[in-house]
Amino acid sequence: MSSLLPYSLNAEQQNSDSFYLDLECFTDLMILKADACLGRFTEDYYIHNQRLNKRIDSSRHEYLLELLMIGIFWTNYSTKAIKTNRFSTIILTELYKLRKRYPSQKSRIDKIRGILAYQLLEQRNQALEIEYTDKNFYRLLNWLHSTDEFNEEVKKMKSWLEFFKTKNNSYIWQILNSSCYFAERFSSDGKNALGKYTTNIECFQAINKINYQNKEDYFLVNRKENEYHLNMFGAELLNRELKSGFLQTKKKVLLLPTCMRKEPASGCKVKDDGIEKKCTYCNSNCNIGKIAAQMKLQSVRYLYYSSFIRFHQVP
């Protein structure tokens, strides 16, 4: 298995400072372009939700992100979705339910799901131009859900499907067409602005393509470059939306992945008392150590659990 990573936020720099500056500028530009292209649809959707008293805490910027998400997923996966029969998605969805119901059998079920997902969902036929209809959008959602890699995204998009049911075919065509049009612009602009951070994706996938065939995370590994940029953009946008609420919260929790450690697990000198694990700042270049030191200065306790670092603010 190759250790090559699909992206790097340093891009041959000493740190990731340049990435966050580039992402900030890119996000500012994309919000303006998205609002010009999709703003009228988000306004209609906002009014619709207000009338039903649904998603009243969501912002219009979040709606713009969701329409962009719809456009990118339609562009990347609609052909596969249309060419996959309904029976295949039902089988995989039921296996996913079994996986949740019987966690002790997760590894066995995942092996079966991996084989079936690759065989049933990975359609390699020539791309087709899929008609912009609510029926085809529904089929796309079923395909995405059956991969088990887009569950949170599908939840958001299902709300848009309900919104589509209140509109005529012409309106549905307009909103899907506009979302795909903007997704193309986003992909092009994202390549120019953030492409230097995702230069390894094609190489990573080429090296690992055989290794991940018939595995349950095949579709995760093979996500398109524009989906990486979508996630970067989405994280920046949502951070902005949630910042004020975060600052007003008295008790805060910070989650960090263990892959941020400089040392491997065997070399990390973390202190473990059986209840929590505490960073000892054993490596001055360790990102977790740096953050832990900053949190300590701000009177924050930190707890280390399996796949992430968890910080609790002291009352």
Protein backbone atom coordinates (compact mmCIF):
# COMPACT_ATOMS: atom_id res chain seq x y z
CA MET A 1 0.00 0.00 0.00
CA SER A 2 1.47 3.35 -1.02
CA SER A 3 2.02 6.06 1.59
CA LEU A 4 1.46 8.79 -0.99
CA LEU A 5 -1.19 11.24 0.22
CA PRO A 6 -3.76 12.65 -2.23
CA TYR A 7 -3.32 16.24 -1.05
CA SER A 8 -1.06 18.46 1.04
CA LEU A 9 -1.95 21.80 2.62
CA ASN A 10 1.70 22.83 2.59
CA ALA A 11 2.28 22.59 -1.18
CA GLU A 12 6.07 22.65 -0.79
CA GLN A 13 5.86 25.47 1.77
CA GLN A 14 7.05 25.32 5.37
CA ASN A 15 3.49 25.42 6.71
CA SER A 16 -0.16 25.67 5.65
CA ASP A 17 -0.51 29.45 6.09
CA SER A 18 -0.62 30.05 2.33
CA PHE A 19 -3.35 27.45 1.91
CA TYR A 20 -5.69 29.18 4.33
CA LEU A 21 -5.08 32.55 2.70
CA ASP A 22 -5.76 31.06 -0.74
CA LEU A 23 -8.86 29.29 0.56
CA GLU A 24 -10.17 32.48 2.13
CA CYS A 25 -9.83 34.43 -1.13
CA PHE A 26 -11.28 31.56 -3.15
CA THR A 27 -14.28 31.29 -0.82
CA ASP A 28 -14.97 35.02 -1.05
CA LEU A 29 -14.97 34.82 -4.84
CA MET A 30 -17.10 31.67 -5.02
CA ILE A 31 -19.75 33.08 -2.69
CA LEU A 32 -20.16 36.08 -5.00
CA LYS A 33 -20.36 33.91 -8.10
CA ALA A 34 -22.67 31.38 -6.48
CA ASP A 35 -25.05 34.07 -5.29
CA ALA A 36 -25.23 35.57 -8.78
CA CYS A 37 -25.91 32.18 -10.38
CA LEU A 38 -28.01 30.43 -7.72
CA GLY A 39 -29.23 33.15 -5.37
CA ARG A 40 -32.81 33.26 -6.64
CA PHE A 41 -33.20 29.52 -6.01
CA THR A 42 -31.84 29.75 -2.48
CA GLU A 43 -34.27 32.60 -1.80
CA ASP A 44 -37.20 30.44 -2.98
CA TYR A 45 -35.91 27.55 -0.88
CA TYR A 46 -35.54 29.81 2.15
CA ILE A 47 -39.15 31.03 1.83
CA HIS A 48 -40.31 27.42 1.39
CA ASN A 49 -38.55 26.33 4.59
CA GLN A 50 -39.81 29.33 6.53
CA ARG A 51 -43.36 28.45 5.54
CA LEU A 52 -42.86 24.89 6.82
CA ASN A 53 -40.77 25.99 9.81
CA LYS A 54 -37.92 23.73 8.62
CA ARG A 55 -34.18 24.37 8.71
CA ILE A 56 -34.76 27.85 10.07
CA ASP A 57 -31.23 27.92 11.54
CA SER A 58 -29.59 27.33 8.16
CA SER A 59 -28.24 30.30 6.22
CA ARG A 60 -28.53 31.13 2.53
CA HIS A 61 -24.80 30.49 2.19
CA GLU A 62 -25.38 26.94 3.37
CA TYR A 63 -28.07 26.59 0.70
CA LEU A 64 -25.58 27.82 -1.92
CA LEU A 65 -23.13 25.16 -0.76
CA GLU A 66 -25.81 22.49 -1.07
CA LEU A 67 -26.71 23.51 -4.62
CA LEU A 68 -23.03 23.42 -5.53
CA MET A 69 -22.85 19.97 -3.97
CA ILE A 70 -25.82 18.86 -6.06
CA GLY A 71 -24.16 20.17 -9.23
CA ILE A 72 -20.84 18.46 -8.53
CA PHE A 73 -22.37 15.12 -7.60
CA TRP A 74 -24.67 15.26 -10.63
CA THR A 75 -21.68 15.95 -12.88
CA ASN A 76 -19.55 13.22 -11.31
CA TYR A 77 -22.05 10.44 -10.69
CA SER A 78 -25.37 10.87 -12.51
CA THR A 79 -24.35 8.56 -15.36
CA LYS A 80 -23.39 5.83 -12.91
CA ALA A 81 -26.68 6.36 -11.06
CA ILE A 82 -28.81 6.09 -14.18
CA LYS A 83 -27.00 2.96 -15.35
CA THR A 84 -27.38 1.25 -11.97
CA ASN A 85 -30.63 -0.64 -11.54
CA ARG A 86 -32.83 -0.04 -8.53
CA PHE A 87 -32.39 -3.60 -7.23
CA SER A 88 -28.65 -3.05 -6.80
CA THR A 89 -29.11 0.06 -4.66
CA ILE A 90 -31.73 -1.73 -2.54
CA ILE A 91 -29.36 -4.63 -1.82
CA LEU A 92 -26.54 -2.32 -0.73
CA THR A 93 -28.86 -0.15 1.35
CA GLU A 94 -30.16 -3.20 3.19
CA LEU A 95 -26.61 -4.39 3.85
CA TYR A 96 -25.83 -0.99 5.31
CA LYS A 97 -28.82 -1.32 7.65
CA LEU A 98 -27.58 -4.75 8.75
CA ARG A 99 -24.14 -3.25 9.39
CA LYS A 100 -25.71 -0.68 11.74
CA ARG A 101 -27.96 -3.25 13.40
CA TYR A 102 -25.22 -5.81 14.02
CA PRO A 103 -21.97 -3.92 14.72
CA SER A 104 -20.19 -7.14 15.72
CA GLN A 105 -20.59 -8.31 12.11
CA LYS A 106 -19.37 -5.04 10.60
CA SER A 107 -16.12 -6.40 9.14
CA ARG A 108 -17.87 -9.33 7.44
CA ILE A 109 -20.69 -7.21 6.07
CA ASP A 110 -18.21 -4.59 4.85
CA LYS A 111 -16.37 -7.24 2.84
CA ILE A 112 -19.61 -8.26 1.16
CA ARG A 113 -20.63 -4.63 0.61
CA GLY A 114 -17.24 -3.83 -0.87
CA ILE A 115 -17.44 -6.59 -3.45
CA LEU A 116 -21.06 -5.85 -4.39
CA ALA A 117 -20.61 -2.07 -4.42
CA TYR A 118 -17.72 -2.29 -6.87
CA GLN A 119 -19.50 -4.80 -9.07
CA LEU A 120 -22.93 -3.14 -9.01
CA LEU A 121 -22.24 0.59 -8.73
CA GLU A 122 -19.01 1.17 -10.67
CA GLN A 123 -20.37 1.71 -14.18
CA ARG A 124 -17.63 2.37 -16.75
CA ASN A 125 -19.78 2.90 -19.82
CA GLN A 126 -19.56 6.04 -21.92
CA ALA A 127 -20.92 9.11 -20.17
CA LEU A 128 -24.44 10.17 -21.03
CA GLU A 129 -26.16 13.54 -20.84
CA ILE A 130 -28.75 12.95 -18.16
CA GLU A 131 -32.03 14.86 -18.32
CA TYR A 132 -32.56 17.34 -15.48
CA THR A 133 -35.61 15.87 -13.74
CA ASP A 134 -36.63 15.16 -10.16
CA LYS A 135 -36.83 11.45 -11.04
CA ASN A 136 -33.19 11.35 -12.10
CA PHE A 137 -32.21 13.40 -9.07
CA TYR A 138 -33.94 10.80 -6.90
CA ARG A 139 -31.97 8.04 -8.62
CA LEU A 140 -28.75 9.95 -7.99
CA LEU A 141 -29.58 10.18 -4.27
CA ASN A 142 -30.23 6.44 -4.13
CA TRP A 143 -26.89 5.72 -5.79
CA LEU A 144 -25.00 8.06 -3.46
CA HIS A 145 -26.68 6.60 -0.41
CA SER A 146 -25.93 3.03 -1.46
CA THR A 147 -22.17 3.75 -1.53
CA ASP A 148 -22.30 4.68 2.19
CA GLU A 149 -19.89 7.57 1.50
CA PHE A 150 -22.35 10.46 1.14
CA ASN A 151 -24.82 9.93 3.98
CA GLU A 152 -24.71 13.45 5.43
CA GLU A 153 -24.81 15.01 1.98
CA VAL A 154 -27.82 12.90 1.00
CA LYS A 155 -29.71 14.09 4.08
CA LYS A 156 -29.34 17.69 2.90
CA MET A 157 -30.20 16.89 -0.70
CA LYS A 158 -33.34 15.00 0.28
CA SER A 159 -34.71 18.28 1.60
CA TRP A 160 -34.15 19.76 -1.85
CA LEU A 161 -35.97 16.81 -3.41
CA GLU A 162 -38.98 17.62 -1.23
CA PHE A 163 -38.72 21.22 -2.41
CA PHE A 164 -38.64 20.04 -6.04
CA LYS A 165 -41.97 18.28 -5.53
CA THR A 166 -43.61 21.68 -5.04
CA LYS A 167 -42.26 22.97 -8.38
CA ASN A 168 -43.01 22.30 -12.03
CA ASN A 169 -40.68 20.52 -14.45
CA SER A 170 -39.38 23.76 -15.94
CA TYR A 171 -38.27 25.10 -12.56
CA ILE A 172 -36.59 21.79 -11.66
CA TRP A 173 -34.73 21.84 -14.97
CA GLN A 174 -33.55 25.40 -14.33
CA ILE A 175 -32.27 24.73 -10.82
CA LEU A 176 -30.43 21.53 -11.75
CA ASN A 177 -29.01 23.04 -14.93
CA SER A 178 -27.82 26.14 -13.05
CA SER A 179 -26.28 24.00 -10.30
CA CYS A 180 -24.33 21.95 -12.83
CA TYR A 181 -23.27 25.09 -14.72
CA PHE A 182 -21.93 26.65 -11.54
CA ALA A 183 -20.27 23.35 -10.56
CA GLU A 184 -18.28 23.49 -13.80
CA ARG A 185 -17.15 27.04 -13.06
CA PHE A 186 -16.30 26.06 -9.49
CA SER A 187 -14.24 23.08 -10.69
CA SER A 188 -12.26 25.26 -13.08
CA ASP A 189 -11.69 28.05 -10.55
CA GLY A 190 -10.89 25.52 -7.85
CA LYS A 191 -8.25 23.90 -10.03
CA ASN A 192 -6.59 27.26 -10.54
CA ALA A 193 -6.80 28.42 -6.92
CA LEU A 194 -6.36 25.18 -4.97
CA GLY A 195 -4.96 22.72 -7.50
CA LYS A 196 -1.42 23.03 -6.16
CA TYR A 197 -2.61 21.43 -2.93
CA THR A 198 -4.24 18.45 -4.68
CA THR A 199 -1.60 17.54 -7.27
CA ASN A 200 -1.22 13.97 -5.98
CA ILE A 201 -4.83 12.83 -6.39
CA GLU A 202 -4.50 11.16 -9.79
CA CYS A 203 -1.22 9.49 -8.84
CA PHE A 204 -2.66 8.35 -5.51
CA GLN A 205 -5.68 6.82 -7.21
CA ALA A 206 -3.62 5.18 -9.95
CA ILE A 207 -1.36 3.53 -7.38
CA ASN A 208 -4.22 2.39 -5.14
CA LYS A 209 -6.92 1.60 -7.70
CA ILE A 210 -6.30 -2.15 -7.67
CA ASN A 211 -5.82 -2.24 -3.89
CA TYR A 212 -9.25 -0.75 -3.24
CA GLN A 213 -11.27 -2.71 -5.76
CA ASN A 214 -13.96 -4.74 -4.00
CA LYS A 215 -13.42 -2.80 -0.75
CA GLU A 216 -16.16 -0.84 0.97
CA ASP A 217 -14.23 2.47 0.77
CA TYR A 218 -13.53 2.23 -2.97
CA PHE A 219 -15.68 5.27 -3.77
CA LEU A 220 -14.11 7.31 -0.96
CA VAL A 221 -10.62 6.74 -2.37
CA ASN A 222 -11.74 7.56 -5.91
CA ARG A 223 -13.43 10.89 -5.25
CA LYS A 224 -12.79 13.55 -7.88
CA GLU A 225 -10.50 16.53 -7.38
CA ASN A 226 -13.45 18.93 -7.43
CA GLU A 227 -14.87 17.08 -4.42
CA TYR A 228 -11.70 17.77 -2.44
CA HIS A 229 -12.05 21.44 -3.35
CA LEU A 230 -15.75 21.30 -2.45
CA ASN A 231 -14.88 19.99 1.01
CA MET A 232 -12.25 22.70 1.49
CA PHE A 233 -14.67 25.40 0.39
CA GLY A 234 -17.47 23.94 2.50
CA ALA A 235 -15.30 23.79 5.62
CA GLU A 236 -14.28 27.43 5.22
CA LEU A 237 -17.83 28.59 4.54
CA LEU A 238 -19.35 26.68 7.47
CA ASN A 239 -16.57 27.83 9.80
CA ARG A 240 -17.55 31.39 8.98
CA GLU A 241 -21.22 30.66 9.57
CA LEU A 242 -20.59 28.95 12.91
CA LYS A 243 -17.85 31.25 14.23
CA SER A 244 -20.04 33.66 16.18
CA GLY A 245 -21.88 30.85 17.94
CA PHE A 246 -18.59 29.13 18.72
CA LEU A 247 -17.13 32.28 20.26
CA GLN A 248 -20.21 32.75 22.44
CA THR A 249 -20.06 29.19 23.79
CA LYS A 250 -18.47 28.95 27.23
CA LYS A 251 -17.41 25.30 27.01
CA LYS A 252 -15.66 24.18 23.83
CA VAL A 253 -14.44 20.87 22.42
CA LEU A 254 -11.77 20.61 19.73
CA LEU A 255 -11.46 17.39 17.71
CA LEU A 256 -8.18 16.55 15.95
CA PRO A 257 -7.26 13.43 13.93
CA THR A 258 -4.33 11.36 15.20
CA CYS A 259 -2.73 11.58 11.76
CA MET A 260 -1.61 15.06 12.90
CA ARG A 261 0.92 13.48 15.24
CA LYS A 262 4.51 13.90 14.19
CA GLU A 263 5.56 10.61 15.77
CA PRO A 264 3.94 7.21 15.07
CA ALA A 265 1.94 5.63 17.88
CA SER A 266 4.99 3.63 19.00
CA GLY A 267 7.13 6.77 19.29
CA CYS A 268 4.57 9.14 20.80
CA LYS A 269 5.32 9.78 24.50
CA VAL A 270 1.74 10.53 25.43
CA LYS A 271 0.85 9.95 29.13
CA ASP A 272 -1.95 7.47 29.69
CA ASP A 273 -3.61 7.06 33.10
CA GLY A 274 -6.26 4.65 31.84
CA ILE A 275 -8.88 7.37 31.59
CA GLU A 276 -7.30 9.99 29.41
CA LYS A 277 -4.12 10.50 27.47
CA LYS A 278 -2.18 13.74 27.76
CA CYS A 279 0.26 15.24 25.30
CA THR A 280 3.76 15.67 26.73
CA TYR A 281 5.01 17.97 23.94
CA CYS A 282 7.70 15.42 23.11
CA ASN A 283 8.24 16.82 19.62
CA SER A 284 8.33 20.56 18.96
CA ASN A 285 7.28 19.94 15.35
CA CYS A 286 4.19 17.90 16.26
CA ASN A 287 1.00 19.73 15.29
CA ILE A 288 -0.94 18.16 18.15
CA GLY A 289 1.76 19.27 20.60
CA LYS A 290 1.63 22.81 19.25
CA ILE A 291 -2.15 22.99 19.59
CA ALA A 292 -2.08 21.35 23.02
CA ALA A 293 0.42 23.99 24.17
CA GLN A 294 -1.82 26.77 22.87
CA MET A 295 -4.84 25.26 24.60
CA LYS A 296 -2.89 24.97 27.84
CA LEU A 297 -2.14 28.67 27.74
CA GLN A 298 -5.87 29.27 27.37
CA SER A 299 -6.70 27.03 30.37
CA VAL A 300 -8.08 24.17 28.34
CA ARG A 301 -7.80 20.53 29.38
CA TYR A 302 -7.26 17.95 26.67
CA LEU A 303 -8.40 14.36 26.44
CA TYR A 304 -7.05 11.92 23.85
CA TYR A 305 -9.45 9.32 22.50
CA SER A 306 -8.60 6.75 19.82
CA SER A 307 -8.91 8.58 16.50
CA PHE A 308 -8.94 12.18 17.69
CA ILE A 309 -7.77 14.65 20.27
CA ARG A 310 -10.56 16.10 22.34
CA PHE A 311 -10.19 19.36 24.26
CA HIS A 312 -12.51 20.40 27.08
CA GLN A 313 -12.43 23.93 28.39
CA VAL A 314 -12.01 24.08 32.17
CA PRO A 315 -15.04 25.71 33.88
